[in-house]
């Protein structure tokens, strides 16, 4: 048994256990949820980049949030 297939076998065993425990539909729902979480993570990164670019392009001064919320 080649050593480079151990990861594949491990993945197939985990997938088999998930299907045996929760069923095919619930396993597919789990993978759909994980896919949505990964996509949402990349969207948040893009939104952060867009926010920084917009702040840089608008050239607005930085707000002092401590002053705003503490009332000083």
PDB file of N, CA and C in Angstrom:
ATOM      1  N   UNK A   1       0.854  -1.183   0.000  1.00  0.00           N
ATOM      2  CA  UNK A   1       0.000   0.000   0.000  1.00  0.00           C
ATOM      3  C   UNK A   1       0.892   1.237   0.000  1.00  0.00           C
ATOM      4  N   UNK A   2       0.803   2.052  -1.060  1.00  0.00           N
ATOM      5  CA  UNK A   2       1.642   3.253  -1.131  1.00  0.00           C
ATOM      6  C   UNK A   2       1.255   4.267  -0.043  1.00  0.00           C
ATOM      7  N   UNK A   3       2.257   4.983   0.419  1.00  0.00           N
ATOM      8  CA  UNK A   3       2.039   5.952   1.484  1.00  0.00           C
ATOM      9  C   UNK A   3       1.250   7.179   1.018  1.00  0.00           C
ATOM     10  N   UNK A   4       1.276   7.490  -0.251  1.00  0.00           N
ATOM     11  CA  UNK A   4       0.595   8.691  -0.717  1.00  0.00           C
ATOM     12  C   UNK A   4      -0.920   8.499  -0.827  1.00  0.00           C
ATOM     13  N   UNK A   5      -1.426   7.292  -0.627  1.00  0.00           N
ATOM     14  CA  UNK A   5      -2.864   7.051  -0.662  1.00  0.00           C
ATOM     15  C   UNK A   5      -3.501   7.026   0.723  1.00  0.00           C
ATOM     16  N   UNK A   6      -2.713   7.188   1.766  1.00  0.00           N
ATOM     17  CA  UNK A   6      -3.250   7.123   3.132  1.00  0.00           C
ATOM     18  C   UNK A   6      -4.262   8.238   3.363  1.00  0.00           C
ATOM     19  N   UNK A   7      -3.982   9.432   2.868  1.00  0.00           N
ATOM     20  CA  UNK A   7      -4.915  10.549   3.009  1.00  0.00           C
ATOM     21  C   UNK A   7      -6.235  10.278   2.301  1.00  0.00           C
ATOM     22  N   UNK A   8      -6.160   9.687   1.122  1.00  0.00           N
ATOM     23  CA  UNK A   8      -7.367   9.342   0.376  1.00  0.00           C
ATOM     24  C   UNK A   8      -8.194   8.299   1.121  1.00  0.00           C
ATOM     25  N   UNK A   9      -7.523   7.282   1.642  1.00  0.00           N
ATOM     26  CA  UNK A   9      -8.236   6.248   2.399  1.00  0.00           C
ATOM     27  C   UNK A   9      -8.879   6.831   3.647  1.00  0.00           C
ATOM     28  N   UNK A  10      -8.166   7.702   4.319  1.00  0.00           N
ATOM     29  CA  UNK A  10      -8.688   8.349   5.518  1.00  0.00           C
ATOM     30  C   UNK A  10      -9.934   9.178   5.177  1.00  0.00           C
ATOM     31  N   UNK A  11      -9.873   9.919   4.073  1.00  0.00           N
ATOM     32  CA  UNK A  11     -11.012  10.726   3.631  1.00  0.00           C
ATOM     33  C   UNK A  11     -12.214   9.847   3.279  1.00  0.00           C
ATOM     34  N   UNK A  12     -11.978   8.746   2.601  1.00  0.00           N
ATOM     35  CA  UNK A  12     -13.070   7.835   2.231  1.00  0.00           C
ATOM     36  C   UNK A  12     -13.693   7.181   3.454  1.00  0.00           C
ATOM     37  N   UNK A  13     -12.876   6.854   4.453  1.00  0.00           N
ATOM     38  CA  UNK A  13     -13.411   6.279   5.690  1.00  0.00           C
ATOM     39  C   UNK A  13     -14.283   7.294   6.418  1.00  0.00           C
ATOM     40  N   UNK A  14     -13.823   8.535   6.510  1.00  0.00           N
ATOM     41  CA  UNK A  14     -14.621   9.586   7.170  1.00  0.00           C
ATOM     42  C   UNK A  14     -15.926   9.812   6.407  1.00  0.00           C
ATOM     43  N   UNK A  15     -15.862   9.854   5.094  1.00  0.00           N
ATOM     44  CA  UNK A  15     -17.067  10.025   4.278  1.00  0.00           C
ATOM     45  C   UNK A  15     -18.031   8.860   4.485  1.00  0.00           C
ATOM     46  N   UNK A  16     -17.520   7.642   4.541  1.00  0.00           N
ATOM     47  CA  UNK A  16     -18.370   6.470   4.800  1.00  0.00           C
ATOM     48  C   UNK A  16     -19.022   6.526   6.171  1.00  0.00           C
ATOM     49  N   UNK A  17     -18.269   6.970   7.177  1.00  0.00           N
ATOM     50  CA  UNK A  17     -18.828   7.092   8.525  1.00  0.00           C
ATOM     51  C   UNK A  17     -19.919   8.160   8.553  1.00  0.00           C
ATOM     52  N   UNK A  18     -19.693   9.284   7.876  1.00  0.00           N
ATOM     53  CA  UNK A  18     -20.716  10.338   7.818  1.00  0.00           C
ATOM     54  C   UNK A  18     -21.990   9.836   7.155  1.00  0.00           C
ATOM     55  N   UNK A  19     -21.849   9.116   6.065  1.00  0.00           N
ATOM     56  CA  UNK A  19     -23.027   8.601   5.360  1.00  0.00           C
ATOM     57  C   UNK A  19     -23.742   7.558   6.208  1.00  0.00           C
ATOM     58  N   UNK A  20     -22.973   6.703   6.888  1.00  0.00           N
ATOM     59  CA  UNK A  20     -23.597   5.679   7.727  1.00  0.00           C
ATOM     60  C   UNK A  20     -24.310   6.294   8.927  1.00  0.00           C
ATOM     61  N   UNK A  21     -23.755   7.339   9.471  1.00  0.00           N
ATOM     62  CA  UNK A  21     -24.331   7.950  10.676  1.00  0.00           C
ATOM     63  C   UNK A  21     -25.521   8.851  10.347  1.00  0.00           C
ATOM     64  N   UNK A  22     -25.348   9.749   9.376  1.00  0.00           N
ATOM     65  CA  UNK A  22     -26.369  10.771   9.124  1.00  0.00           C
ATOM     66  C   UNK A  22     -27.166  10.528   7.852  1.00  0.00           C
ATOM     67  N   UNK A  23     -26.714   9.699   6.975  1.00  0.00           N
ATOM     68  CA  UNK A  23     -27.404   9.474   5.715  1.00  0.00           C
ATOM     69  C   UNK A  23     -26.830  10.344   4.613  1.00  0.00           C
ATOM     70  N   UNK A  24     -27.234  10.028   3.412  1.00  0.00           N
ATOM     71  CA  UNK A  24     -26.698  10.722   2.246  1.00  0.00           C
ATOM     72  C   UNK A  24     -27.162  12.174   2.213  1.00  0.00           C
ATOM     73  N   UNK A  25     -28.443  12.422   2.463  1.00  0.00           N
ATOM     74  CA  UNK A  25     -28.967  13.780   2.376  1.00  0.00           C
ATOM     75  C   UNK A  25     -28.320  14.720   3.389  1.00  0.00           C
ATOM     76  N   UNK A  26     -28.169  14.264   4.610  1.00  0.00           N
ATOM     77  CA  UNK A  26     -27.560  15.114   5.639  1.00  0.00           C
ATOM     78  C   UNK A  26     -26.076  15.341   5.370  1.00  0.00           C
ATOM     79  N   UNK A  27     -25.415  14.353   4.803  1.00  0.00           N
ATOM     80  CA  UNK A  27     -24.005  14.528   4.450  1.00  0.00           C
ATOM     81  C   UNK A  27     -23.864  15.562   3.343  1.00  0.00           C
ATOM     82  N   UNK A  28     -24.753  15.511   2.356  1.00  0.00           N
ATOM     83  CA  UNK A  28     -24.725  16.516   1.293  1.00  0.00           C
ATOM     84  C   UNK A  28     -25.039  17.903   1.839  1.00  0.00           C
ATOM     85  N   UNK A  29     -25.948  17.992   2.802  1.00  0.00           N
ATOM     86  CA  UNK A  29     -26.240  19.289   3.429  1.00  0.00           C
ATOM     87  C   UNK A  29     -25.016  19.821   4.164  1.00  0.00           C
ATOM     88  N   UNK A  30     -24.255  18.940   4.804  1.00  0.00           N
ATOM     89  CA  UNK A  30     -23.037  19.357   5.495  1.00  0.00           C
ATOM     90  C   UNK A  30     -22.026  19.916   4.505  1.00  0.00           C
ATOM     91  N   UNK A  31     -21.829  19.242   3.371  1.00  0.00           N
ATOM     92  CA  UNK A  31     -20.892  19.733   2.374  1.00  0.00           C
ATOM     93  C   UNK A  31     -21.379  21.037   1.745  1.00  0.00           C
ATOM     94  N   UNK A  32     -22.684  21.190   1.570  1.00  0.00           N
ATOM     95  CA  UNK A  32     -23.236  22.438   1.059  1.00  0.00           C
ATOM     96  C   UNK A  32     -22.979  23.572   2.041  1.00  0.00           C
ATOM     97  N   UNK A  33     -23.167  23.305   3.321  1.00  0.00           N
ATOM     98  CA  UNK A  33     -22.911  24.311   4.355  1.00  0.00           C
ATOM     99  C   UNK A  33     -21.441  24.722   4.352  1.00  0.00           C
ATOM    100  N   UNK A  34     -20.542  23.748   4.287  1.00  0.00           N
ATOM    101  CA  UNK A  34     -19.113  24.061   4.262  1.00  0.00           C
ATOM    102  C   UNK A  34     -18.747  24.870   3.019  1.00  0.00           C
ATOM    103  N   UNK A  35     -19.343  24.539   1.878  1.00  0.00           N
ATOM    104  CA  UNK A  35     -19.100  25.285   0.646  1.00  0.00           C
ATOM    105  C   UNK A  35     -19.557  26.730   0.794  1.00  0.00           C
ATOM    106  N   UNK A  36     -20.734  26.947   1.374  1.00  0.00           N
ATOM    107  CA  UNK A  36     -21.230  28.306   1.567  1.00  0.00           C
ATOM    108  C   UNK A  36     -20.352  29.096   2.530  1.00  0.00           C
ATOM    109  N   UNK A  37     -19.844  28.452   3.566  1.00  0.00           N
ATOM    110  CA  UNK A  37     -18.973  29.137   4.520  1.00  0.00           C
ATOM    111  C   UNK A  37     -17.665  29.578   3.853  1.00  0.00           C
ATOM    112  N   UNK A  38     -17.106  28.726   3.000  1.00  0.00           N
ATOM    113  CA  UNK A  38     -15.867  29.076   2.304  1.00  0.00           C
ATOM    114  C   UNK A  38     -16.117  30.234   1.347  1.00  0.00           C
ATOM    115  N   UNK A  39     -17.226  30.177   0.602  1.00  0.00           N
ATOM    116  CA  UNK A  39     -17.542  31.269  -0.322  1.00  0.00           C
ATOM    117  C   UNK A  39     -17.771  32.579   0.423  1.00  0.00           C
ATOM    118  N   UNK A  40     -18.469  32.514   1.568  1.00  0.00           N
ATOM    119  CA  UNK A  40     -18.734  33.706   2.359  1.00  0.00           C
ATOM    120  C   UNK A  40     -17.438  34.302   2.905  1.00  0.00           C
ATOM    121  N   UNK A  41     -16.474  33.452   3.267  1.00  0.00           N
ATOM    122  CA  UNK A  41     -15.177  33.926   3.752  1.00  0.00           C
ATOM    123  C   UNK A  41     -14.473  34.754   2.672  1.00  0.00           C
ATOM    124  N   UNK A  42     -14.470  34.270   1.432  1.00  0.00           N
ATOM    125  CA  UNK A  42     -13.821  35.008   0.352  1.00  0.00           C
ATOM    126  C   UNK A  42     -14.579  36.289   0.018  1.00  0.00           C
ATOM    127  N   UNK A  43     -15.891  36.282   0.151  1.00  0.00           N
ATOM    128  CA  UNK A  43     -16.669  37.492  -0.080  1.00  0.00           C
ATOM    129  C   UNK A  43     -16.349  38.537   0.985  1.00  0.00           C
ATOM    130  N   UNK A  44     -16.182  38.104   2.243  1.00  0.00           N
ATOM    131  CA  UNK A  44     -15.812  39.045   3.300  1.00  0.00           C
ATOM    132  C   UNK A  44     -14.443  39.665   3.033  1.00  0.00           C
ATOM    133  N   UNK A  45     -13.512  38.873   2.506  1.00  0.00           N
ATOM    134  CA  UNK A  45     -12.195  39.409   2.162  1.00  0.00           C
ATOM    135  C   UNK A  45     -12.324  40.457   1.063  1.00  0.00           C
ATOM    136  N   UNK A  46     -13.122  40.165   0.040  1.00  0.00           N
ATOM    137  CA  UNK A  46     -13.329  41.130  -1.035  1.00  0.00           C
ATOM    138  C   UNK A  46     -13.986  42.404  -0.522  1.00  0.00           C
ATOM    139  N   UNK A  47     -14.949  42.263   0.386  1.00  0.00           N
ATOM    140  CA  UNK A  47     -15.623  43.437   0.935  1.00  0.00           C
ATOM    141  C   UNK A  47     -14.643  44.293   1.737  1.00  0.00           C
ATOM    142  N   UNK A  48     -13.739  43.667   2.472  1.00  0.00           N
ATOM    143  CA  UNK A  48     -12.752  44.415   3.245  1.00  0.00           C
ATOM    144  C   UNK A  48     -11.821  45.186   2.317  1.00  0.00           C
ATOM    145  N   UNK A  49     -11.403  44.547   1.216  1.00  0.00           N
ATOM    146  CA  UNK A  49     -10.563  45.236   0.231  1.00  0.00           C
ATOM    147  C   UNK A  49     -11.300  46.407  -0.396  1.00  0.00           C
ATOM    148  N   UNK A  50     -12.573  46.203  -0.721  1.00  0.00           N
ATOM    149  CA  UNK A  50     -13.370  47.282  -1.313  1.00  0.00           C
ATOM    150  C   UNK A  50     -13.532  48.441  -0.336  1.00  0.00           C
ATOM    151  N   UNK A  51     -13.704  48.119   0.946  1.00  0.00           N
ATOM    152  CA  UNK A  51     -13.848  49.164   1.956  1.00  0.00           C
ATOM    153  C   UNK A  51     -12.570  49.994   2.054  1.00  0.00           C
ATOM    154  N   UNK A  52     -11.419  49.330   2.089  1.00  0.00           N
ATOM    155  CA  UNK A  52     -10.156  50.058   2.161  1.00  0.00           C
ATOM    156  C   UNK A  52      -9.928  50.917   0.924  1.00  0.00           C
ATOM    157  N   UNK A  53     -10.267  50.364  -0.259  1.00  0.00           N
ATOM    158  CA  UNK A  53     -10.099  51.118  -1.494  1.00  0.00           C
ATOM    159  C   UNK A  53     -11.026  52.329  -1.511  1.00  0.00           C
ATOM    160  N   UNK A  54     -12.258  52.153  -1.074  1.00  0.00           N
ATOM    161  CA  UNK A  54     -13.210  53.257  -1.040  1.00  0.00           C
ATOM    162  C   UNK A  54     -12.754  54.338  -0.068  1.00  0.00           C
ATOM    163  N   UNK A  55     -12.265  53.943   1.096  1.00  0.00           N
ATOM    164  CA  UNK A  55     -11.762  54.930   2.050  1.00  0.00           C
ATOM    165  C   UNK A  55     -10.564  55.675   1.477  1.00  0.00           C
ATOM    166  N   UNK A  56      -9.692  54.959   0.792  1.00  0.00           N
ATOM    167  CA  UNK A  56      -8.518  55.590   0.197  1.00  0.00           C
ATOM    168  C   UNK A  56      -8.932  56.528  -0.939  1.00  0.00           C
ATOM    169  N   UNK A  57      -9.891  56.122  -1.768  1.00  0.00           N
ATOM    170  CA  UNK A  57     -10.322  56.944  -2.894  1.00  0.00           C
ATOM    171  C   UNK A  57     -11.092  58.183  -2.453  1.00  0.00           C
ATOM    172  N   UNK A  58     -11.896  58.040  -1.401  1.00  0.00           N
ATOM    173  CA  UNK A  58     -12.667  59.193  -0.920  1.00  0.00           C
ATOM    174  C   UNK A  58     -11.813  60.160  -0.114  1.00  0.00           C
ATOM    175  N   UNK A  59     -10.688  59.659   0.388  1.00  0.00           N
ATOM    176  CA  UNK A  59      -9.749  60.481   1.120  1.00  0.00           C
ATOM    177  C   UNK A  59     -10.388  61.142   2.345  1.00  0.00           C
ATOM    178  N   UNK A  60     -11.210  60.393   3.056  1.00  0.00           N
ATOM    179  CA  UNK A  60     -11.859  60.917   4.247  1.00  0.00           C
ATOM    180  C   UNK A  60     -10.922  60.806   5.443  1.00  0.00           C
ATOM    181  N   UNK A  61     -11.027  61.751   6.381  1.00  0.00           N
ATOM    182  CA  UNK A  61     -10.188  61.644   7.583  1.00  0.00           C
ATOM    183  C   UNK A  61     -10.658  60.475   8.452  1.00  0.00           C
ATOM    184  N   UNK A  62      -9.727  59.894   9.208  1.00  0.00           N
ATOM    185  CA  UNK A  62     -10.069  58.794  10.099  1.00  0.00           C
ATOM    186  C   UNK A  62     -10.880  59.318  11.272  1.00  0.00           C
ATOM    187  N   UNK A  63     -11.899  58.577  11.667  1.00  0.00           N
ATOM    188  CA  UNK A  63     -12.716  58.959  12.813  1.00  0.00           C
ATOM    189  C   UNK A  63     -12.068  58.483  14.097  1.00  0.00           C
ATOM    190  N   UNK A  64     -12.227  59.263  15.132  1.00  0.00           N
ATOM    191  CA  UNK A  64     -11.770  58.872  16.444  1.00  0.00           C
ATOM    192  C   UNK A  64     -12.964  58.265  17.173  1.00  0.00           C
ATOM    193  N   UNK A  65     -13.090  56.935  17.139  1.00  0.00           N
ATOM    194  CA  UNK A  65     -14.257  56.261  17.673  1.00  0.00           C
ATOM    195  C   UNK A  65     -14.332  56.372  19.182  1.00  0.00           C
ATOM    196  N   UNK A  66     -13.172  56.455  19.855  1.00  0.00           N
ATOM    197  CA  UNK A  66     -13.207  56.608  21.321  1.00  0.00           C
ATOM    198  C   UNK A  66     -13.850  57.939  21.696  1.00  0.00           C
ATOM    199  N   UNK A  67     -13.529  58.960  20.968  1.00  0.00           N
ATOM    200  CA  UNK A  67     -14.095  60.287  21.227  1.00  0.00           C
ATOM    201  C   UNK A  67     -15.604  60.285  20.947  1.00  0.00           C
ATOM    202  N   UNK A  68     -16.006  59.596  19.886  1.00  0.00           N
ATOM    203  CA  UNK A  68     -17.428  59.565  19.507  1.00  0.00           C
ATOM    204  C   UNK A  68     -18.274  58.852  20.546  1.00  0.00           C
ATOM    205  N   UNK A  69     -17.791  57.716  21.066  1.00  0.00           N
ATOM    206  CA  UNK A  69     -18.613  56.898  21.936  1.00  0.00           C
ATOM    207  C   UNK A  69     -18.426  57.204  23.415  1.00  0.00           C
ATOM    208  N   UNK A  70     -17.294  57.736  23.807  1.00  0.00           N
ATOM    209  CA  UNK A  70     -17.072  58.048  25.209  1.00  0.00           C
ATOM    210  C   UNK A  70     -17.549  59.448  25.576  1.00  0.00           C
ATOM    211  N   UNK A  71     -17.861  60.252  24.585  1.00  0.00           N
ATOM    212  CA  UNK A  71     -18.384  61.588  24.830  1.00  0.00           C
ATOM    213  C   UNK A  71     -17.331  62.576  25.316  1.00  0.00           C
ATOM    214  N   UNK A  72     -16.080  62.306  25.077  1.00  0.00           N
ATOM    215  CA  UNK A  72     -15.005  63.218  25.521  1.00  0.00           C
ATOM    216  C   UNK A  72     -14.768  64.296  24.505  1.00  0.00           C
TER     217      UNK A  72
END
